[in-house]
All heavy atoms as atom14 arrays in JSON, in Angstrom:
{
  "sequence": "ALYRHGIGRPVHGPLAGDIRREGGEAAVRRVLDFLSGKAAPPAPSE",
  "atom14_mask": [
    [1, 1, 1, 1, 1, 0, 0, 0, 0, 0, 0, 0, 0, 0],
    [1, 1, 1, 1, 1, 1, 1, 1, 0, 0, 0, 0, 0, 0],
    [1, 1, 1, 1, 1, 1, 1, 1, 1, 1, 1, 1, 0, 0],
    [1, 1, 1, 1, 1, 1, 1, 1, 1, 1, 1, 0, 0, 0],
    [1, 1, 1, 1, 1, 1, 1, 1, 1, 1, 0, 0, 0, 0],
    [1, 1, 1, 1, 0, 0, 0, 0, 0, 0, 0, 0, 0, 0],
    [1, 1, 1, 1, 1, 1, 1, 1, 0, 0, 0, 0, 0, 0],
    [1, 1, 1, 1, 0, 0, 0, 0, 0, 0, 0, 0, 0, 0],
    [1, 1, 1, 1, 1, 1, 1, 1, 1, 1, 1, 0, 0, 0],
    [1, 1, 1, 1, 1, 1, 1, 0, 0, 0, 0, 0, 0, 0],
    [1, 1, 1, 1, 1, 1, 1, 0, 0, 0, 0, 0, 0, 0],
    [1, 1, 1, 1, 1, 1, 1, 1, 1, 1, 0, 0, 0, 0],
    [1, 1, 1, 1, 0, 0, 0, 0, 0, 0, 0, 0, 0, 0],
    [1, 1, 1, 1, 1, 1, 1, 0, 0, 0, 0, 0, 0, 0],
    [1, 1, 1, 1, 1, 1, 1, 1, 0, 0, 0, 0, 0, 0],
    [1, 1, 1, 1, 1, 0, 0, 0, 0, 0, 0, 0, 0, 0],
    [1, 1, 1, 1, 0, 0, 0, 0, 0, 0, 0, 0, 0, 0],
    [1, 1, 1, 1, 1, 1, 1, 1, 0, 0, 0, 0, 0, 0],
    [1, 1, 1, 1, 1, 1, 1, 1, 0, 0, 0, 0, 0, 0],
    [1, 1, 1, 1, 1, 1, 1, 1, 1, 1, 1, 0, 0, 0],
    [1, 1, 1, 1, 1, 1, 1, 1, 1, 1, 1, 0, 0, 0],
    [1, 1, 1, 1, 1, 1, 1, 1, 1, 0, 0, 0, 0, 0],
    [1, 1, 1, 1, 0, 0, 0, 0, 0, 0, 0, 0, 0, 0],
    [1, 1, 1, 1, 0, 0, 0, 0, 0, 0, 0, 0, 0, 0],
    [1, 1, 1, 1, 1, 1, 1, 1, 1, 0, 0, 0, 0, 0],
    [1, 1, 1, 1, 1, 0, 0, 0, 0, 0, 0, 0, 0, 0],
    [1, 1, 1, 1, 1, 0, 0, 0, 0, 0, 0, 0, 0, 0],
    [1, 1, 1, 1, 1, 1, 1, 0, 0, 0, 0, 0, 0, 0],
    [1, 1, 1, 1, 1, 1, 1, 1, 1, 1, 1, 0, 0, 0],
    [1, 1, 1, 1, 1, 1, 1, 1, 1, 1, 1, 0, 0, 0],
    [1, 1, 1, 1, 1, 1, 1, 0, 0, 0, 0, 0, 0, 0],
    [1, 1, 1, 1, 1, 1, 1, 1, 0, 0, 0, 0, 0, 0],
    [1, 1, 1, 1, 1, 1, 1, 1, 0, 0, 0, 0, 0, 0],
    [1, 1, 1, 1, 1, 1, 1, 1, 1, 1, 1, 0, 0, 0],
    [1, 1, 1, 1, 1, 1, 1, 1, 0, 0, 0, 0, 0, 0],
    [1, 1, 1, 1, 1, 1, 0, 0, 0, 0, 0, 0, 0, 0],
    [1, 1, 1, 1, 0, 0, 0, 0, 0, 0, 0, 0, 0, 0],
    [1, 1, 1, 1, 1, 1, 1, 1, 1, 0, 0, 0, 0, 0],
    [1, 1, 1, 1, 1, 0, 0, 0, 0, 0, 0, 0, 0, 0],
    [1, 1, 1, 1, 1, 0, 0, 0, 0, 0, 0, 0, 0, 0],
    [1, 1, 1, 1, 1, 1, 1, 0, 0, 0, 0, 0, 0, 0],
    [1, 1, 1, 1, 1, 1, 1, 0, 0, 0, 0, 0, 0, 0],
    [1, 1, 1, 1, 1, 0, 0, 0, 0, 0, 0, 0, 0, 0],
    [1, 1, 1, 1, 1, 1, 1, 0, 0, 0, 0, 0, 0, 0],
    [1, 1, 1, 1, 1, 1, 0, 0, 0, 0, 0, 0, 0, 0],
    [1, 1, 1, 1, 1, 1, 1, 1, 1, 0, 0, 0, 0, 0]
  ],
  "atom14_positions": [
    [[0.83, -1.21, 0.0], [0.0, 0.0, 0.0], [0.87, 1.26, 0.0], [0.56, 2.24, -0.69], [-0.92, -0.01, 1.22], [0.0, 0.0, 0.0], [0.0, 0.0, 0.0], [0.0, 0.0, 0.0], [0.0, 0.0, 0.0], [0.0, 0.0, 0.0], [0.0, 0.0, 0.0], [0.0, 0.0, 0.0], [0.0, 0.0, 0.0], [0.0, 0.0, 0.0]],
    [[1.94, 1.24, 0.77], [2.86, 2.39, 0.77], [3.45, 2.61, -0.61], [3.54, 3.75, -1.09], [3.98, 2.14, 1.79], [3.58, 2.19, 3.26], [4.65, 1.51, 4.12], [3.36, 3.63, 3.72], [0.0, 0.0, 0.0], [0.0, 0.0, 0.0], [0.0, 0.0, 0.0], [0.0, 0.0, 0.0], [0.0, 0.0, 0.0], [0.0, 0.0, 0.0]],
    [[3.85, 1.52, -1.25], [4.45, 1.64, -2.58], [3.43, 2.14, -3.59], [3.74, 3.0, -4.43], [5.0, 0.27, -3.0], [5.89, 0.31, -4.22], [6.95, 1.22, -4.32], [5.68, -0.57, -5.27], [7.76, 1.24, -5.43], [6.5, -0.55, -6.39], [7.54, 0.35, -6.47], [8.35, 0.38, -7.57], [0.0, 0.0, 0.0], [0.0, 0.0, 0.0]],
    [[2.22, 1.63, -3.51], [1.17, 2.08, -4.44], [0.94, 3.58, -4.33], [0.73, 4.27, -5.33], [-0.13, 1.33, -4.17], [-1.29, 1.85, -5.01], [-2.48, 0.97, -4.96], [-3.57, 1.53, -5.76], [-4.51, 0.82, -6.36], [-4.5, -0.5, -6.28], [-5.47, 1.4, -7.04], [0.0, 0.0, 0.0], [0.0, 0.0, 0.0], [0.0, 0.0, 0.0]],
    [[0.99, 4.1, -3.11], [0.66, 5.5, -2.88], [1.9, 6.4, -2.81], [1.77, 7.6, -2.54], [-0.16, 5.63, -1.6], [-1.54, 5.08, -1.73], [-2.6, 5.79, -2.23], [-2.03, 3.83, -1.48], [-3.68, 5.04, -2.25], [-3.37, 3.84, -1.79], [0.0, 0.0, 0.0], [0.0, 0.0, 0.0], [0.0, 0.0, 0.0], [0.0, 0.0, 0.0]],
    [[3.07, 5.85, -3.08], [4.29, 6.67, -3.11], [4.66, 7.26, -1.77], [5.19, 8.38, -1.7], [0.0, 0.0, 0.0], [0.0, 0.0, 0.0], [0.0, 0.0, 0.0], [0.0, 0.0, 0.0], [0.0, 0.0, 0.0], [0.0, 0.0, 0.0], [0.0, 0.0, 0.0], [0.0, 0.0, 0.0], [0.0, 0.0, 0.0], [0.0, 0.0, 0.0]],
    [[4.4, 6.53, -0.7], [4.69, 7.01, 0.65], [5.94, 6.33, 1.17], [5.98, 5.09, 1.31], [3.51, 6.76, 1.6], [2.27, 7.52, 1.12], [3.87, 7.15, 3.03], [1.01, 7.21, 1.92], [0.0, 0.0, 0.0], [0.0, 0.0, 0.0], [0.0, 0.0, 0.0], [0.0, 0.0, 0.0], [0.0, 0.0, 0.0], [0.0, 0.0, 0.0]],
    [[6.96, 7.08, 1.48], [8.17, 6.55, 2.08], [8.91, 5.58, 1.18], [8.75, 5.56, -0.04], [0.0, 0.0, 0.0], [0.0, 0.0, 0.0], [0.0, 0.0, 0.0], [0.0, 0.0, 0.0], [0.0, 0.0, 0.0], [0.0, 0.0, 0.0], [0.0, 0.0, 0.0], [0.0, 0.0, 0.0], [0.0, 0.0, 0.0], [0.0, 0.0, 0.0]],
    [[9.76, 4.75, 1.82], [10.58, 3.78, 1.12], [10.27, 2.39, 1.67], [10.83, 1.99, 2.69], [12.07, 4.12, 1.29], [12.45, 5.45, 0.66], [13.9, 5.81, 0.94], [14.11, 6.1, 2.35], [13.89, 7.28, 2.92], [13.44, 8.29, 2.19], [14.12, 7.48, 4.2], [0.0, 0.0, 0.0], [0.0, 0.0, 0.0], [0.0, 0.0, 0.0]],
    [[9.38, 1.65, 1.04], [9.06, 0.29, 1.51], [10.21, -0.65, 1.2], [10.76, -0.63, 0.09], [7.8, -0.08, 0.72], [7.38, 1.14, -0.04], [8.57, 2.02, -0.13], [0.0, 0.0, 0.0], [0.0, 0.0, 0.0], [0.0, 0.0, 0.0], [0.0, 0.0, 0.0], [0.0, 0.0, 0.0], [0.0, 0.0, 0.0], [0.0, 0.0, 0.0]],
    [[10.56, -1.5, 2.16], [11.69, -2.41, 2.0], [11.3, -3.77, 2.59], [10.87, -3.87, 3.74], [12.94, -1.88, 2.72], [14.1, -2.87, 2.57], [13.35, -0.52, 2.17], [0.0, 0.0, 0.0], [0.0, 0.0, 0.0], [0.0, 0.0, 0.0], [0.0, 0.0, 0.0], [0.0, 0.0, 0.0], [0.0, 0.0, 0.0], [0.0, 0.0, 0.0]],
    [[11.48, -4.82, 1.79], [11.36, -6.19, 2.29], [12.62, -6.54, 3.06], [13.73, -6.37, 2.54], [11.18, -7.14, 1.1], [11.3, -8.59, 1.46], [10.21, -9.43, 1.55], [12.38, -9.36, 1.76], [10.61, -10.64, 1.88], [11.93, -10.62, 2.02], [0.0, 0.0, 0.0], [0.0, 0.0, 0.0], [0.0, 0.0, 0.0], [0.0, 0.0, 0.0]],
    [[12.47, -7.02, 4.29], [13.63, -7.41, 5.07], [13.23, -8.04, 6.39], [12.04, -8.07, 6.74], [0.0, 0.0, 0.0], [0.0, 0.0, 0.0], [0.0, 0.0, 0.0], [0.0, 0.0, 0.0], [0.0, 0.0, 0.0], [0.0, 0.0, 0.0], [0.0, 0.0, 0.0], [0.0, 0.0, 0.0], [0.0, 0.0, 0.0], [0.0, 0.0, 0.0]],
    [[14.2, -8.55, 7.15], [13.91, -9.28, 8.39], [13.12, -8.46, 9.41], [13.19, -7.22, 9.45], [15.31, -9.6, 8.94], [16.18, -9.64, 7.72], [15.64, -8.56, 6.82], [0.0, 0.0, 0.0], [0.0, 0.0, 0.0], [0.0, 0.0, 0.0], [0.0, 0.0, 0.0], [0.0, 0.0, 0.0], [0.0, 0.0, 0.0], [0.0, 0.0, 0.0]],
    [[12.38, -9.16, 10.24], [11.64, -8.58, 11.35], [12.51, -8.59, 12.61], [13.44, -9.39, 12.73], [10.38, -9.39, 11.62], [9.42, -9.57, 10.46], [8.4, -10.65, 10.77], [8.73, -8.26, 10.11], [0.0, 0.0, 0.0], [0.0, 0.0, 0.0], [0.0, 0.0, 0.0], [0.0, 0.0, 0.0], [0.0, 0.0, 0.0], [0.0, 0.0, 0.0]],
    [[12.17, -7.73, 13.56], [12.89, -7.76, 14.83], [12.72, -9.12, 15.5], [13.67, -9.67, 16.09], [12.38, -6.65, 15.74], [0.0, 0.0, 0.0], [0.0, 0.0, 0.0], [0.0, 0.0, 0.0], [0.0, 0.0, 0.0], [0.0, 0.0, 0.0], [0.0, 0.0, 0.0], [0.0, 0.0, 0.0], [0.0, 0.0, 0.0], [0.0, 0.0, 0.0]],
    [[11.54, -9.71, 15.38], [11.28, -11.0, 15.99], [12.09, -12.14, 15.41], [12.14, -13.23, 16.0], [0.0, 0.0, 0.0], [0.0, 0.0, 0.0], [0.0, 0.0, 0.0], [0.0, 0.0, 0.0], [0.0, 0.0, 0.0], [0.0, 0.0, 0.0], [0.0, 0.0, 0.0], [0.0, 0.0, 0.0], [0.0, 0.0, 0.0], [0.0, 0.0, 0.0]],
    [[12.75, -11.92, 14.29], [13.59, -12.97, 13.71], [14.83, -13.26, 14.54], [15.55, -14.23, 14.26], [14.0, -12.59, 12.28], [12.87, -12.77, 11.28], [12.0, -13.62, 11.53], [12.86, -12.06, 10.26], [0.0, 0.0, 0.0], [0.0, 0.0, 0.0], [0.0, 0.0, 0.0], [0.0, 0.0, 0.0], [0.0, 0.0, 0.0], [0.0, 0.0, 0.0]],
    [[15.06, -12.46, 15.57], [16.19, -12.76, 16.45], [16.01, -14.12, 17.12], [16.98, -14.74, 17.57], [16.37, -11.65, 17.51], [17.78, -11.72, 18.11], [15.27, -11.71, 18.58], [18.2, -10.5, 18.88], [0.0, 0.0, 0.0], [0.0, 0.0, 0.0], [0.0, 0.0, 0.0], [0.0, 0.0, 0.0], [0.0, 0.0, 0.0], [0.0, 0.0, 0.0]],
    [[14.79, -14.65, 17.15], [14.53, -15.95, 17.76], [15.06, -17.09, 16.91], [15.2, -18.23, 17.4], [13.04, -16.15, 17.98], [12.24, -16.41, 16.7], [10.76, -16.34, 16.94], [9.96, -16.78, 15.81], [9.68, -16.03, 14.76], [10.16, -14.8, 14.68], [8.92, -16.5, 13.78], [0.0, 0.0, 0.0], [0.0, 0.0, 0.0], [0.0, 0.0, 0.0]],
    [[15.34, -16.85, 15.64], [15.75, -17.91, 14.73], [17.25, -18.19, 14.87], [18.01, -17.35, 15.36], [15.46, -17.51, 13.28], [14.01, -17.17, 13.01], [13.81, -16.9, 11.52], [12.48, -16.37, 11.24], [11.4, -17.11, 11.06], [11.48, -18.44, 11.14], [10.23, -16.57, 10.79], [0.0, 0.0, 0.0], [0.0, 0.0, 0.0], [0.0, 0.0, 0.0]],
    [[17.67, -19.36, 14.41], [19.1, -19.63, 14.32], [19.72, -18.63, 13.34], [19.23, -18.47, 12.22], [19.34, -21.06, 13.82], [20.8, -21.45, 13.75], [20.99, -22.88, 13.3], [19.98, -23.61, 13.13], [22.17, -23.28, 13.12], [0.0, 0.0, 0.0], [0.0, 0.0, 0.0], [0.0, 0.0, 0.0], [0.0, 0.0, 0.0], [0.0, 0.0, 0.0]],
    [[20.75, -17.95, 13.77], [21.34, -16.9, 12.95], [20.59, -15.59, 13.02], [20.85, -14.67, 12.24], [0.0, 0.0, 0.0], [0.0, 0.0, 0.0], [0.0, 0.0, 0.0], [0.0, 0.0, 0.0], [0.0, 0.0, 0.0], [0.0, 0.0, 0.0], [0.0, 0.0, 0.0], [0.0, 0.0, 0.0], [0.0, 0.0, 0.0], [0.0, 0.0, 0.0]],
    [[19.67, -15.46, 13.98], [18.83, -14.28, 14.06], [19.56, -12.99, 14.37], [19.17, -11.92, 13.91], [0.0, 0.0, 0.0], [0.0, 0.0, 0.0], [0.0, 0.0, 0.0], [0.0, 0.0, 0.0], [0.0, 0.0, 0.0], [0.0, 0.0, 0.0], [0.0, 0.0, 0.0], [0.0, 0.0, 0.0], [0.0, 0.0, 0.0], [0.0, 0.0, 0.0]],
    [[20.63, -13.08, 15.16], [21.38, -11.86, 15.46], [22.0, -11.27, 14.2], [22.05, -10.04, 14.03], [22.45, -12.15, 16.51], [21.88, -12.43, 17.89], [22.96, -12.51, 18.96], [24.16, -12.46, 18.6], [22.6, -12.61, 20.15], [0.0, 0.0, 0.0], [0.0, 0.0, 0.0], [0.0, 0.0, 0.0], [0.0, 0.0, 0.0], [0.0, 0.0, 0.0]],
    [[22.43, -12.12, 13.28], [22.98, -11.63, 12.01], [21.89, -10.93, 11.2], [22.16, -9.92, 10.53], [23.58, -12.79, 11.21], [0.0, 0.0, 0.0], [0.0, 0.0, 0.0], [0.0, 0.0, 0.0], [0.0, 0.0, 0.0], [0.0, 0.0, 0.0], [0.0, 0.0, 0.0], [0.0, 0.0, 0.0], [0.0, 0.0, 0.0], [0.0, 0.0, 0.0]],
    [[20.68, -11.45, 11.25], [19.57, -10.8, 10.54], [19.29, -9.42, 11.12], [19.06, -8.45, 10.38], [18.33, -11.67, 10.61], [0.0, 0.0, 0.0], [0.0, 0.0, 0.0], [0.0, 0.0, 0.0], [0.0, 0.0, 0.0], [0.0, 0.0, 0.0], [0.0, 0.0, 0.0], [0.0, 0.0, 0.0], [0.0, 0.0, 0.0], [0.0, 0.0, 0.0]],
    [[19.3, -9.31, 12.44], [19.09, -8.02, 13.09], [20.2, -7.04, 12.72], [19.95, -5.87, 12.39], [19.0, -8.19, 14.61], [19.05, -6.85, 15.33], [17.71, -8.93, 14.98], [0.0, 0.0, 0.0], [0.0, 0.0, 0.0], [0.0, 0.0, 0.0], [0.0, 0.0, 0.0], [0.0, 0.0, 0.0], [0.0, 0.0, 0.0], [0.0, 0.0, 0.0]],
    [[21.43, -7.51, 12.73], [22.55, -6.64, 12.34], [22.4, -6.17, 10.89], [22.71, -5.02, 10.56], [23.88, -7.36, 12.52], [24.26, -7.61, 13.96], [25.67, -8.18, 14.07], [26.0, -8.48, 15.46], [25.91, -9.7, 16.0], [25.52, -10.74, 15.25], [26.21, -9.89, 17.27], [0.0, 0.0, 0.0], [0.0, 0.0, 0.0], [0.0, 0.0, 0.0]],
    [[21.93, -7.06, 10.02], [21.77, -6.7, 8.61], [20.77, -5.55, 8.47], [20.99, -4.62, 7.68], [21.31, -7.92, 7.83], [21.36, -7.78, 6.33], [21.43, -9.13, 5.65], [20.26, -9.95, 5.86], [20.23, -11.04, 6.64], [21.31, -11.45, 7.29], [19.12, -11.74, 6.77], [0.0, 0.0, 0.0], [0.0, 0.0, 0.0], [0.0, 0.0, 0.0]],
    [[19.7, -5.61, 9.24], [18.71, -4.53, 9.2], [19.29, -3.24, 9.77], [19.13, -2.16, 9.19], [17.44, -4.94, 9.96], [16.5, -3.74, 10.14], [16.72, -6.06, 9.24], [0.0, 0.0, 0.0], [0.0, 0.0, 0.0], [0.0, 0.0, 0.0], [0.0, 0.0, 0.0], [0.0, 0.0, 0.0], [0.0, 0.0, 0.0], [0.0, 0.0, 0.0]],
    [[19.96, -3.33, 10.91], [20.51, -2.12, 11.53], [21.59, -1.5, 10.66], [21.7, -0.27, 10.58], [21.04, -2.45, 12.93], [19.97, -2.89, 13.94], [20.61, -3.27, 15.27], [18.93, -1.79, 14.14], [0.0, 0.0, 0.0], [0.0, 0.0, 0.0], [0.0, 0.0, 0.0], [0.0, 0.0, 0.0], [0.0, 0.0, 0.0], [0.0, 0.0, 0.0]],
    [[22.4, -2.33, 10.01], [23.39, -1.8, 9.07], [22.7, -1.04, 7.94], [23.13, 0.04, 7.54], [24.23, -2.93, 8.48], [25.27, -3.48, 9.44], [25.59, -2.81, 10.43], [25.77, -4.61, 9.19], [0.0, 0.0, 0.0], [0.0, 0.0, 0.0], [0.0, 0.0, 0.0], [0.0, 0.0, 0.0], [0.0, 0.0, 0.0], [0.0, 0.0, 0.0]],
    [[21.63, -1.63, 7.43], [20.92, -1.0, 6.32], [20.23, 0.29, 6.75], [20.39, 1.34, 6.09], [19.89, -1.98, 5.76], [18.98, -1.38, 4.73], [19.43, -1.16, 3.44], [17.68, -1.04, 5.04], [18.6, -0.6, 2.48], [16.84, -0.48, 4.09], [17.3, -0.26, 2.82], [0.0, 0.0, 0.0], [0.0, 0.0, 0.0], [0.0, 0.0, 0.0]],
    [[19.49, 0.25, 7.83], [18.73, 1.43, 8.24], [19.63, 2.57, 8.7], [19.26, 3.74, 8.58], [17.74, 1.06, 9.35], [16.57, 0.15, 8.94], [15.69, -0.15, 10.14], [15.74, 0.79, 7.82], [0.0, 0.0, 0.0], [0.0, 0.0, 0.0], [0.0, 0.0, 0.0], [0.0, 0.0, 0.0], [0.0, 0.0, 0.0], [0.0, 0.0, 0.0]],
    [[20.81, 2.25, 9.21], [21.73, 3.29, 9.66], [22.66, 3.77, 8.55], [23.5, 4.65, 8.77], [22.57, 2.78, 10.84], [23.38, 1.69, 10.45], [0.0, 0.0, 0.0], [0.0, 0.0, 0.0], [0.0, 0.0, 0.0], [0.0, 0.0, 0.0], [0.0, 0.0, 0.0], [0.0, 0.0, 0.0], [0.0, 0.0, 0.0], [0.0, 0.0, 0.0]],
    [[22.54, 3.17, 7.37], [23.35, 3.6, 6.24], [24.74, 3.02, 6.2], [25.57, 3.42, 5.37], [0.0, 0.0, 0.0], [0.0, 0.0, 0.0], [0.0, 0.0, 0.0], [0.0, 0.0, 0.0], [0.0, 0.0, 0.0], [0.0, 0.0, 0.0], [0.0, 0.0, 0.0], [0.0, 0.0, 0.0], [0.0, 0.0, 0.0], [0.0, 0.0, 0.0]],
    [[25.02, 2.03, 7.05], [26.35, 1.41, 7.05], [26.54, 0.44, 5.89], [27.67, 0.16, 5.5], [26.59, 0.68, 8.37], [26.74, 1.59, 9.57], [27.06, 0.79, 10.82], [27.29, 1.71, 12.01], [27.61, 0.94, 13.25], [0.0, 0.0, 0.0], [0.0, 0.0, 0.0], [0.0, 0.0, 0.0], [0.0, 0.0, 0.0], [0.0, 0.0, 0.0]],
    [[25.45, -0.1, 5.38], [25.54, -1.07, 4.3], [24.3, -0.97, 3.43], [23.19, -0.81, 3.93], [25.68, -2.49, 4.85], [0.0, 0.0, 0.0], [0.0, 0.0, 0.0], [0.0, 0.0, 0.0], [0.0, 0.0, 0.0], [0.0, 0.0, 0.0], [0.0, 0.0, 0.0], [0.0, 0.0, 0.0], [0.0, 0.0, 0.0], [0.0, 0.0, 0.0]],
    [[24.51, -1.06, 2.13], [23.4, -1.11, 1.18], [23.06, -2.57, 0.91], [23.89, -3.46, 1.14], [23.8, -0.42, -0.13], [0.0, 0.0, 0.0], [0.0, 0.0, 0.0], [0.0, 0.0, 0.0], [0.0, 0.0, 0.0], [0.0, 0.0, 0.0], [0.0, 0.0, 0.0], [0.0, 0.0, 0.0], [0.0, 0.0, 0.0], [0.0, 0.0, 0.0]],
    [[21.87, -2.84, 0.44], [21.53, -4.23, 0.08], [22.37, -4.66, -1.11], [22.83, -3.82, -1.9], [20.05, -4.15, -0.27], [19.84, -2.74, -0.7], [20.75, -1.91, 0.14], [0.0, 0.0, 0.0], [0.0, 0.0, 0.0], [0.0, 0.0, 0.0], [0.0, 0.0, 0.0], [0.0, 0.0, 0.0], [0.0, 0.0, 0.0], [0.0, 0.0, 0.0]],
    [[22.61, -5.94, -1.27], [23.35, -6.4, -2.45], [22.64, -5.97, -3.73], [21.42, -6.0, -3.82], [23.33, -7.93, -2.31], [23.02, -8.19, -0.87], [22.18, -7.05, -0.41], [0.0, 0.0, 0.0], [0.0, 0.0, 0.0], [0.0, 0.0, 0.0], [0.0, 0.0, 0.0], [0.0, 0.0, 0.0], [0.0, 0.0, 0.0], [0.0, 0.0, 0.0]],
    [[23.42, -5.55, -4.7], [22.83, -5.12, -5.97], [22.2, -6.32, -6.66], [22.83, -7.38, -6.76], [23.89, -4.51, -6.86], [0.0, 0.0, 0.0], [0.0, 0.0, 0.0], [0.0, 0.0, 0.0], [0.0, 0.0, 0.0], [0.0, 0.0, 0.0], [0.0, 0.0, 0.0], [0.0, 0.0, 0.0], [0.0, 0.0, 0.0], [0.0, 0.0, 0.0]],
    [[20.95, -6.2, -7.11], [20.34, -7.32, -7.84], [21.05, -7.54, -9.17], [21.7, -6.64, -9.7], [18.9, -6.86, -8.05], [18.96, -5.36, -8.01], [20.07, -5.04, -7.04], [0.0, 0.0, 0.0], [0.0, 0.0, 0.0], [0.0, 0.0, 0.0], [0.0, 0.0, 0.0], [0.0, 0.0, 0.0], [0.0, 0.0, 0.0], [0.0, 0.0, 0.0]],
    [[20.92, -8.74, -9.7], [21.58, -9.03, -10.97], [20.99, -8.22, -12.11], [21.65, -7.97, -13.11], [21.47, -10.53, -11.28], [20.11, -10.93, -11.3], [0.0, 0.0, 0.0], [0.0, 0.0, 0.0], [0.0, 0.0, 0.0], [0.0, 0.0, 0.0], [0.0, 0.0, 0.0], [0.0, 0.0, 0.0], [0.0, 0.0, 0.0], [0.0, 0.0, 0.0]],
    [[19.74, -7.78, -11.96], [19.12, -6.91, -12.96], [18.93, -5.53, -12.32], [17.83, -5.14, -11.96], [17.77, -7.48, -13.42], [17.84, -8.89, -13.98], [17.68, -9.96, -12.92], [17.67, -9.6, -11.72], [17.59, -11.14, -13.27], [0.0, 0.0, 0.0], [0.0, 0.0, 0.0], [0.0, 0.0, 0.0], [0.0, 0.0, 0.0], [0.0, 0.0, 0.0]]
  ]
}
């Protein structure tokens, strides 16, 4: 809905609750790196 209406920057990515999963801390770090501007997502092949 955000994307349809041009509101903000919608991004598919891990949830905070994913910390419960095996490897969950890495998922949380990936989000925090992205949201804080420390790392961009991998460039898609297209």
